[in-house]
Amino acid sequence: MNEAVLPVLSMARHSQTAWSLTGQHTGLTDLPLTKTGESAAGLLGRRLERRTFKNVFTSPLQRAARTCELAGFGSMAEVDHDLIEWNYGEYEGLRTEEIRARRPDWQLFRDGCPGGETLEEIGARADRLIARVRALDADVLIFSSGHILRVIAARWLGLEPAMGKLFTLSTASLSELGYEGNRSLPIVRLWNDTGVKQ
């Protein structure tokens, strides 16, 4: 089968919030987009306007849902609770340096968060989402948050959830997962594209 007809999973990370700007871990705290974030979501939509998707899914959290809406996909989007960001438990709202002041060797993708979600739990959510997307056998677009999208990428490739640590994502970025040649060869087609020329 030609690669051009194989389905693609497009993943959009939500636009800027006050906490993404300051580097605070934002799991279940339901923050709005900043004005800059709203503008970036519109630009993201322009980059996607010539694309056709069988399904669009979004996290229920407003930062993802609003990004989806401003990008022009709100009317066709379905809420998927597996796309909610990692539950950071006691580390919610803290910056990495604040967490490491308490626990110097802490790594999210190894240790998770006390009172929050384990790596196994977020990996299971990623697996459920991937199974639903693959069953659709068509181009799909999802809107969510950085760490869950990184775990989805790792699991798409057959890697352990902890390997999400190998990826990074900017706000209002677009990434694509697909296949090379056939469905037995999952690949990253595009990663962390913000549409900004380097």
C-alpha atoms as a PDB file:
ATOM      1  CA  MET A   1       0.000   0.000   0.000  1.00  0.00           C
ATOM      2  CA  ASN A   2       1.251   3.481  -0.820  1.00  0.00           C
ATOM      3  CA  GLU A   3       2.258   5.588   2.205  1.00  0.00           C
ATOM      4  CA  ALA A   4       0.137   8.487   0.931  1.00  0.00           C
ATOM      5  CA  VAL A   5      -3.100   6.575   1.614  1.00  0.00           C
ATOM      6  CA  LEU A   6      -2.160   5.379   5.091  1.00  0.00           C
ATOM      7  CA  PRO A   7      -3.925   7.235   7.914  1.00  0.00           C
ATOM      8  CA  VAL A   8      -2.227  10.016   9.853  1.00  0.00           C
ATOM      9  CA  LEU A   9      -2.813  11.041  13.452  1.00  0.00           C
ATOM     10  CA  SER A  10      -2.319  14.817  13.734  1.00  0.00           C
ATOM     11  CA  MET A  11      -1.742  16.124  17.252  1.00  0.00           C
ATOM     12  CA  ALA A  12      -2.099  19.748  18.299  1.00  0.00           C
ATOM     13  CA  ARG A  13      -0.818  20.910  21.655  1.00  0.00           C
ATOM     14  CA  HIS A  14      -2.963  23.609  23.225  1.00  0.00           C
ATOM     15  CA  SER A  15      -1.931  27.253  22.943  1.00  0.00           C
ATOM     16  CA  GLN A  16      -0.295  29.351  25.637  1.00  0.00           C
ATOM     17  CA  THR A  17      -1.774  29.681  29.138  1.00  0.00           C
ATOM     18  CA  ALA A  18      -0.436  31.719  32.036  1.00  0.00           C
ATOM     19  CA  TRP A  19       1.104  28.581  33.543  1.00  0.00           C
ATOM     20  CA  SER A  20       2.646  27.262  30.326  1.00  0.00           C
ATOM     21  CA  LEU A  21       4.291  30.672  30.040  1.00  0.00           C
ATOM     22  CA  THR A  22       5.765  30.423  33.555  1.00  0.00           C
ATOM     23  CA  GLY A  23       6.630  26.715  33.331  1.00  0.00           C
ATOM     24  CA  GLN A  24       4.188  25.528  35.995  1.00  0.00           C
ATOM     25  CA  HIS A  25       2.934  21.949  35.774  1.00  0.00           C
ATOM     26  CA  THR A  26      -0.675  22.196  34.613  1.00  0.00           C
ATOM     27  CA  GLY A  27      -2.526  18.919  34.864  1.00  0.00           C
ATOM     28  CA  LEU A  28      -6.175  19.194  35.870  1.00  0.00           C
ATOM     29  CA  THR A  29      -6.206  22.935  36.638  1.00  0.00           C
ATOM     30  CA  ASP A  30      -8.543  24.306  33.981  1.00  0.00           C
ATOM     31  CA  LEU A  31      -6.837  27.487  32.801  1.00  0.00           C
ATOM     32  CA  PRO A  32      -7.925  29.691  29.891  1.00  0.00           C
ATOM     33  CA  LEU A  33      -5.667  30.675  27.024  1.00  0.00           C
ATOM     34  CA  THR A  34      -3.812  33.962  27.156  1.00  0.00           C
ATOM     35  CA  LYS A  35      -4.480  36.552  24.433  1.00  0.00           C
ATOM     36  CA  THR A  36      -1.252  35.419  22.772  1.00  0.00           C
ATOM     37  CA  GLY A  37      -2.489  31.844  23.031  1.00  0.00           C
ATOM     38  CA  GLU A  38      -5.780  32.721  21.351  1.00  0.00           C
ATOM     39  CA  SER A  39      -3.930  34.339  18.436  1.00  0.00           C
ATOM     40  CA  ALA A  40      -1.630  31.318  18.084  1.00  0.00           C
ATOM     41  CA  ALA A  41      -4.623  28.957  18.023  1.00  0.00           C
ATOM     42  CA  GLY A  42      -6.044  30.877  15.070  1.00  0.00           C
ATOM     43  CA  LEU A  43      -2.720  30.589  13.250  1.00  0.00           C
ATOM     44  CA  LEU A  44      -2.677  26.866  13.972  1.00  0.00           C
ATOM     45  CA  GLY A  45      -6.080  26.648  12.328  1.00  0.00           C
ATOM     46  CA  ARG A  46      -4.764  28.316   9.176  1.00  0.00           C
ATOM     47  CA  ARG A  47      -2.077  25.653   8.939  1.00  0.00           C
ATOM     48  CA  LEU A  48      -4.756  22.951   9.110  1.00  0.00           C
ATOM     49  CA  GLU A  49      -7.459  24.529   6.930  1.00  0.00           C
ATOM     50  CA  ARG A  50      -6.709  22.488   3.803  1.00  0.00           C
ATOM     51  CA  ARG A  51      -6.712  19.211   5.720  1.00  0.00           C
ATOM     52  CA  THR A  52      -9.678  16.857   6.018  1.00  0.00           C
ATOM     53  CA  PHE A  53     -10.175  14.715   9.115  1.00  0.00           C
ATOM     54  CA  LYS A  54     -12.685  11.935   9.652  1.00  0.00           C
ATOM     55  CA  ASN A  55     -12.728  12.648  13.384  1.00  0.00           C
ATOM     56  CA  VAL A  56     -11.491  15.369  15.715  1.00  0.00           C
ATOM     57  CA  PHE A  57     -11.081  14.730  19.435  1.00  0.00           C
ATOM     58  CA  THR A  58     -10.232  17.154  22.218  1.00  0.00           C
ATOM     59  CA  SER A  59      -9.462  17.078  25.892  1.00  0.00           C
ATOM     60  CA  PRO A  60     -12.366  18.512  27.898  1.00  0.00           C
ATOM     61  CA  LEU A  61     -10.038  21.043  29.536  1.00  0.00           C
ATOM     62  CA  GLN A  62     -10.637  24.547  28.196  1.00  0.00           C
ATOM     63  CA  ARG A  63      -7.062  25.168  27.059  1.00  0.00           C
ATOM     64  CA  ALA A  64      -7.354  22.319  24.532  1.00  0.00           C
ATOM     65  CA  ALA A  65     -11.044  22.756  23.722  1.00  0.00           C
ATOM     66  CA  ARG A  66     -10.609  26.500  23.100  1.00  0.00           C
ATOM     67  CA  THR A  67      -7.533  25.880  20.924  1.00  0.00           C
ATOM     68  CA  CYS A  68      -9.648  23.402  18.941  1.00  0.00           C
ATOM     69  CA  GLU A  69     -12.469  25.937  18.604  1.00  0.00           C
ATOM     70  CA  LEU A  70     -10.224  28.810  17.534  1.00  0.00           C
ATOM     71  CA  ALA A  71      -8.459  26.542  15.053  1.00  0.00           C
ATOM     72  CA  GLY A  72     -11.843  25.979  13.397  1.00  0.00           C
ATOM     73  CA  PHE A  73     -12.663  22.445  14.515  1.00  0.00           C
ATOM     74  CA  GLY A  74     -14.949  23.053  17.493  1.00  0.00           C
ATOM     75  CA  SER A  75     -18.161  22.124  15.687  1.00  0.00           C
ATOM     76  CA  MET A  76     -16.926  18.649  14.759  1.00  0.00           C
ATOM     77  CA  ALA A  77     -14.855  17.856  17.848  1.00  0.00           C
ATOM     78  CA  GLU A  78     -15.772  15.134  20.307  1.00  0.00           C
ATOM     79  CA  VAL A  79     -14.543  15.277  23.899  1.00  0.00           C
ATOM     80  CA  ASP A  80     -12.290  12.365  24.850  1.00  0.00           C
ATOM     81  CA  HIS A  81     -11.397  12.119  28.534  1.00  0.00           C
ATOM     82  CA  ASP A  82      -8.319  10.004  27.737  1.00  0.00           C
ATOM     83  CA  LEU A  83      -6.803  13.222  26.315  1.00  0.00           C
ATOM     84  CA  ILE A  84      -6.757  15.007  29.703  1.00  0.00           C
ATOM     85  CA  GLU A  85      -3.250  16.012  30.747  1.00  0.00           C
ATOM     86  CA  TRP A  86      -1.248  14.051  33.313  1.00  0.00           C
ATOM     87  CA  ASN A  87      -2.594  14.412  36.841  1.00  0.00           C
ATOM     88  CA  TYR A  88       0.382  15.916  38.697  1.00  0.00           C
ATOM     89  CA  GLY A  89      -1.117  15.448  42.149  1.00  0.00           C
ATOM     90  CA  GLU A  90       0.948  17.276  44.776  1.00  0.00           C
ATOM     91  CA  TYR A  91       3.129  18.809  42.074  1.00  0.00           C
ATOM     92  CA  GLU A  92       0.260  20.641  40.348  1.00  0.00           C
ATOM     93  CA  GLY A  93       1.172  24.282  39.754  1.00  0.00           C
ATOM     94  CA  LEU A  94       4.842  23.800  40.646  1.00  0.00           C
ATOM     95  CA  ARG A  95       7.805  24.460  38.379  1.00  0.00           C
ATOM     96  CA  THR A  96      10.378  21.700  37.866  1.00  0.00           C
ATOM     97  CA  GLU A  97      12.967  23.619  39.916  1.00  0.00           C
ATOM     98  CA  GLU A  98      10.503  23.848  42.828  1.00  0.00           C
ATOM     99  CA  ILE A  99       9.873  20.105  42.699  1.00  0.00           C
ATOM    100  CA  ARG A 100      13.614  19.378  42.554  1.00  0.00           C
ATOM    101  CA  ALA A 101      14.166  21.581  45.595  1.00  0.00           C
ATOM    102  CA  ARG A 102      12.129  18.933  47.460  1.00  0.00           C
ATOM    103  CA  ARG A 103      13.375  15.933  45.497  1.00  0.00           C
ATOM    104  CA  PRO A 104      16.629  16.668  43.632  1.00  0.00           C
ATOM    105  CA  ASP A 105      16.628  13.556  41.426  1.00  0.00           C
ATOM    106  CA  TRP A 106      12.962  13.800  40.358  1.00  0.00           C
ATOM    107  CA  GLN A 107      12.038  12.950  36.772  1.00  0.00           C
ATOM    108  CA  LEU A 108       8.396  13.007  35.693  1.00  0.00           C
ATOM    109  CA  PHE A 109       8.732  10.184  33.176  1.00  0.00           C
ATOM    110  CA  ARG A 110      10.390   7.938  35.751  1.00  0.00           C
ATOM    111  CA  ASP A 111       8.783   8.913  39.039  1.00  0.00           C
ATOM    112  CA  GLY A 112       5.330  10.305  38.282  1.00  0.00           C
ATOM    113  CA  CYS A 113       3.838  12.524  40.984  1.00  0.00           C
ATOM    114  CA  PRO A 114       2.754  11.791  44.566  1.00  0.00           C
ATOM    115  CA  GLY A 115      -1.006  11.841  44.813  1.00  0.00           C
ATOM    116  CA  GLY A 116      -1.262  11.966  41.028  1.00  0.00           C
ATOM    117  CA  GLU A 117      -1.247   9.639  38.072  1.00  0.00           C
ATOM    118  CA  THR A 118       1.308   6.884  37.600  1.00  0.00           C
ATOM    119  CA  LEU A 119       3.212   6.336  34.380  1.00  0.00           C
ATOM    120  CA  GLU A 120       1.298   3.085  33.912  1.00  0.00           C
ATOM    121  CA  GLU A 121      -2.037   4.883  34.219  1.00  0.00           C
ATOM    122  CA  ILE A 122      -1.194   7.575  31.663  1.00  0.00           C
ATOM    123  CA  GLY A 123       0.271   4.875  29.393  1.00  0.00           C
ATOM    124  CA  ALA A 124      -3.014   2.956  29.566  1.00  0.00           C
ATOM    125  CA  ARG A 125      -4.940   6.106  28.575  1.00  0.00           C
ATOM    126  CA  ALA A 126      -2.599   6.609  25.628  1.00  0.00           C
ATOM    127  CA  ASP A 127      -3.104   2.997  24.552  1.00  0.00           C
ATOM    128  CA  ARG A 128      -6.903   3.352  24.652  1.00  0.00           C
ATOM    129  CA  LEU A 129      -6.763   6.517  22.554  1.00  0.00           C
ATOM    130  CA  ILE A 130      -4.427   4.911  20.006  1.00  0.00           C
ATOM    131  CA  ALA A 131      -6.657   1.832  19.717  1.00  0.00           C
ATOM    132  CA  ARG A 132      -9.688   4.049  18.981  1.00  0.00           C
ATOM    133  CA  VAL A 133      -7.765   6.106  16.413  1.00  0.00           C
ATOM    134  CA  ARG A 134      -6.355   3.052  14.635  1.00  0.00           C
ATOM    135  CA  ALA A 135      -9.830   1.456  14.482  1.00  0.00           C
ATOM    136  CA  LEU A 136     -11.087   4.512  12.549  1.00  0.00           C
ATOM    137  CA  ASP A 137      -8.495   3.840   9.823  1.00  0.00           C
ATOM    138  CA  ALA A 138      -8.638   7.462   8.650  1.00  0.00           C
ATOM    139  CA  ASP A 139      -6.944  10.804   9.288  1.00  0.00           C
ATOM    140  CA  VAL A 140      -7.692  12.013  12.817  1.00  0.00           C
ATOM    141  CA  LEU A 141      -6.867  15.262  14.629  1.00  0.00           C
ATOM    142  CA  ILE A 142      -6.528  15.541  18.406  1.00  0.00           C
ATOM    143  CA  PHE A 143      -6.106  18.559  20.697  1.00  0.00           C
ATOM    144  CA  SER A 144      -4.516  18.031  24.083  1.00  0.00           C
ATOM    145  CA  SER A 145      -1.595  18.870  26.381  1.00  0.00           C
ATOM    146  CA  GLY A 146       2.138  18.296  26.174  1.00  0.00           C
ATOM    147  CA  HIS A 147       2.892  15.338  28.422  1.00  0.00           C
ATOM    148  CA  ILE A 148      -0.034  13.125  27.382  1.00  0.00           C
ATOM    149  CA  LEU A 149       0.802  13.806  23.721  1.00  0.00           C
ATOM    150  CA  ARG A 150       4.415  12.811  24.361  1.00  0.00           C
ATOM    151  CA  VAL A 151       3.255   9.518  25.897  1.00  0.00           C
ATOM    152  CA  ILE A 152       0.899   8.945  22.945  1.00  0.00           C
ATOM    153  CA  ALA A 153       3.865   9.400  20.587  1.00  0.00           C
ATOM    154  CA  ALA A 154       5.963   6.893  22.534  1.00  0.00           C
ATOM    155  CA  ARG A 155       3.186   4.304  22.607  1.00  0.00           C
ATOM    156  CA  TRP A 156       2.382   4.838  18.890  1.00  0.00           C
ATOM    157  CA  LEU A 157       5.974   3.813  18.166  1.00  0.00           C
ATOM    158  CA  GLY A 158       5.751   0.781  20.468  1.00  0.00           C
ATOM    159  CA  LEU A 159       7.986   2.350  23.120  1.00  0.00           C
ATOM    160  CA  GLU A 160       7.388   2.293  26.858  1.00  0.00           C
ATOM    161  CA  PRO A 161       5.446   5.303  28.216  1.00  0.00           C
ATOM    162  CA  ALA A 162       8.629   6.551  29.915  1.00  0.00           C
ATOM    163  CA  MET A 163      10.137   7.168  26.493  1.00  0.00           C
ATOM    164  CA  GLY A 164       7.858  10.204  26.204  1.00  0.00           C
ATOM    165  CA  LYS A 165      10.827  11.917  27.856  1.00  0.00           C
ATOM    166  CA  LEU A 166      12.576  11.850  24.465  1.00  0.00           C
ATOM    167  CA  PHE A 167      10.086  14.263  22.904  1.00  0.00           C
ATOM    168  CA  THR A 168       9.378  17.905  23.584  1.00  0.00           C
ATOM    169  CA  LEU A 169       6.403  20.014  22.576  1.00  0.00           C
ATOM    170  CA  SER A 170       5.853  23.752  22.300  1.00  0.00           C
ATOM    171  CA  THR A 171       2.449  25.348  22.762  1.00  0.00           C
ATOM    172  CA  ALA A 172       0.320  25.613  19.608  1.00  0.00           C
ATOM    173  CA  SER A 173       2.523  23.042  17.900  1.00  0.00           C
ATOM    174  CA  LEU A 174       1.491  20.448  15.364  1.00  0.00           C
ATOM    175  CA  SER A 175       2.868  16.908  15.177  1.00  0.00           C
ATOM    176  CA  GLU A 176       1.954  13.934  13.003  1.00  0.00           C
ATOM    177  CA  LEU A 177       2.198  10.198  13.587  1.00  0.00           C
ATOM    178  CA  GLY A 178       1.744   7.750  10.764  1.00  0.00           C
ATOM    179  CA  TYR A 179       3.313   4.784   9.012  1.00  0.00           C
ATOM    180  CA  GLU A 180       6.110   4.125   6.563  1.00  0.00           C
ATOM    181  CA  GLY A 181       4.945   1.819   3.812  1.00  0.00           C
ATOM    182  CA  ASN A 182       2.560  -0.270   5.921  1.00  0.00           C
ATOM    183  CA  ARG A 183       0.870  -0.370   9.319  1.00  0.00           C
ATOM    184  CA  SER A 184       3.609  -2.501  10.852  1.00  0.00           C
ATOM    185  CA  LEU A 185       6.030   0.446  10.650  1.00  0.00           C
ATOM    186  CA  PRO A 186       4.712   3.319  12.800  1.00  0.00           C
ATOM    187  CA  ILE A 187       6.696   6.544  12.462  1.00  0.00           C
ATOM    188  CA  VAL A 188       6.839  10.197  13.458  1.00  0.00           C
ATOM    189  CA  ARG A 189       6.049  12.163  10.290  1.00  0.00           C
ATOM    190  CA  LEU A 190       6.293  15.653  11.796  1.00  0.00           C
ATOM    191  CA  TRP A 191       7.201  16.837  15.276  1.00  0.00           C
ATOM    192  CA  ASN A 192       6.727  20.075  17.228  1.00  0.00           C
ATOM    193  CA  ASP A 193       6.067  22.253  14.192  1.00  0.00           C
ATOM    194  CA  THR A 194       5.061  25.722  15.386  1.00  0.00           C
ATOM    195  CA  GLY A 195       4.936  27.205  11.908  1.00  0.00           C
ATOM    196  CA  VAL A 196       7.749  29.606  12.851  1.00  0.00           C
ATOM    197  CA  LYS A 197      10.649  29.749  10.411  1.00  0.00           C
ATOM    198  CA  GLN A 198      13.967  29.054  12.111  1.00  0.00           C
END
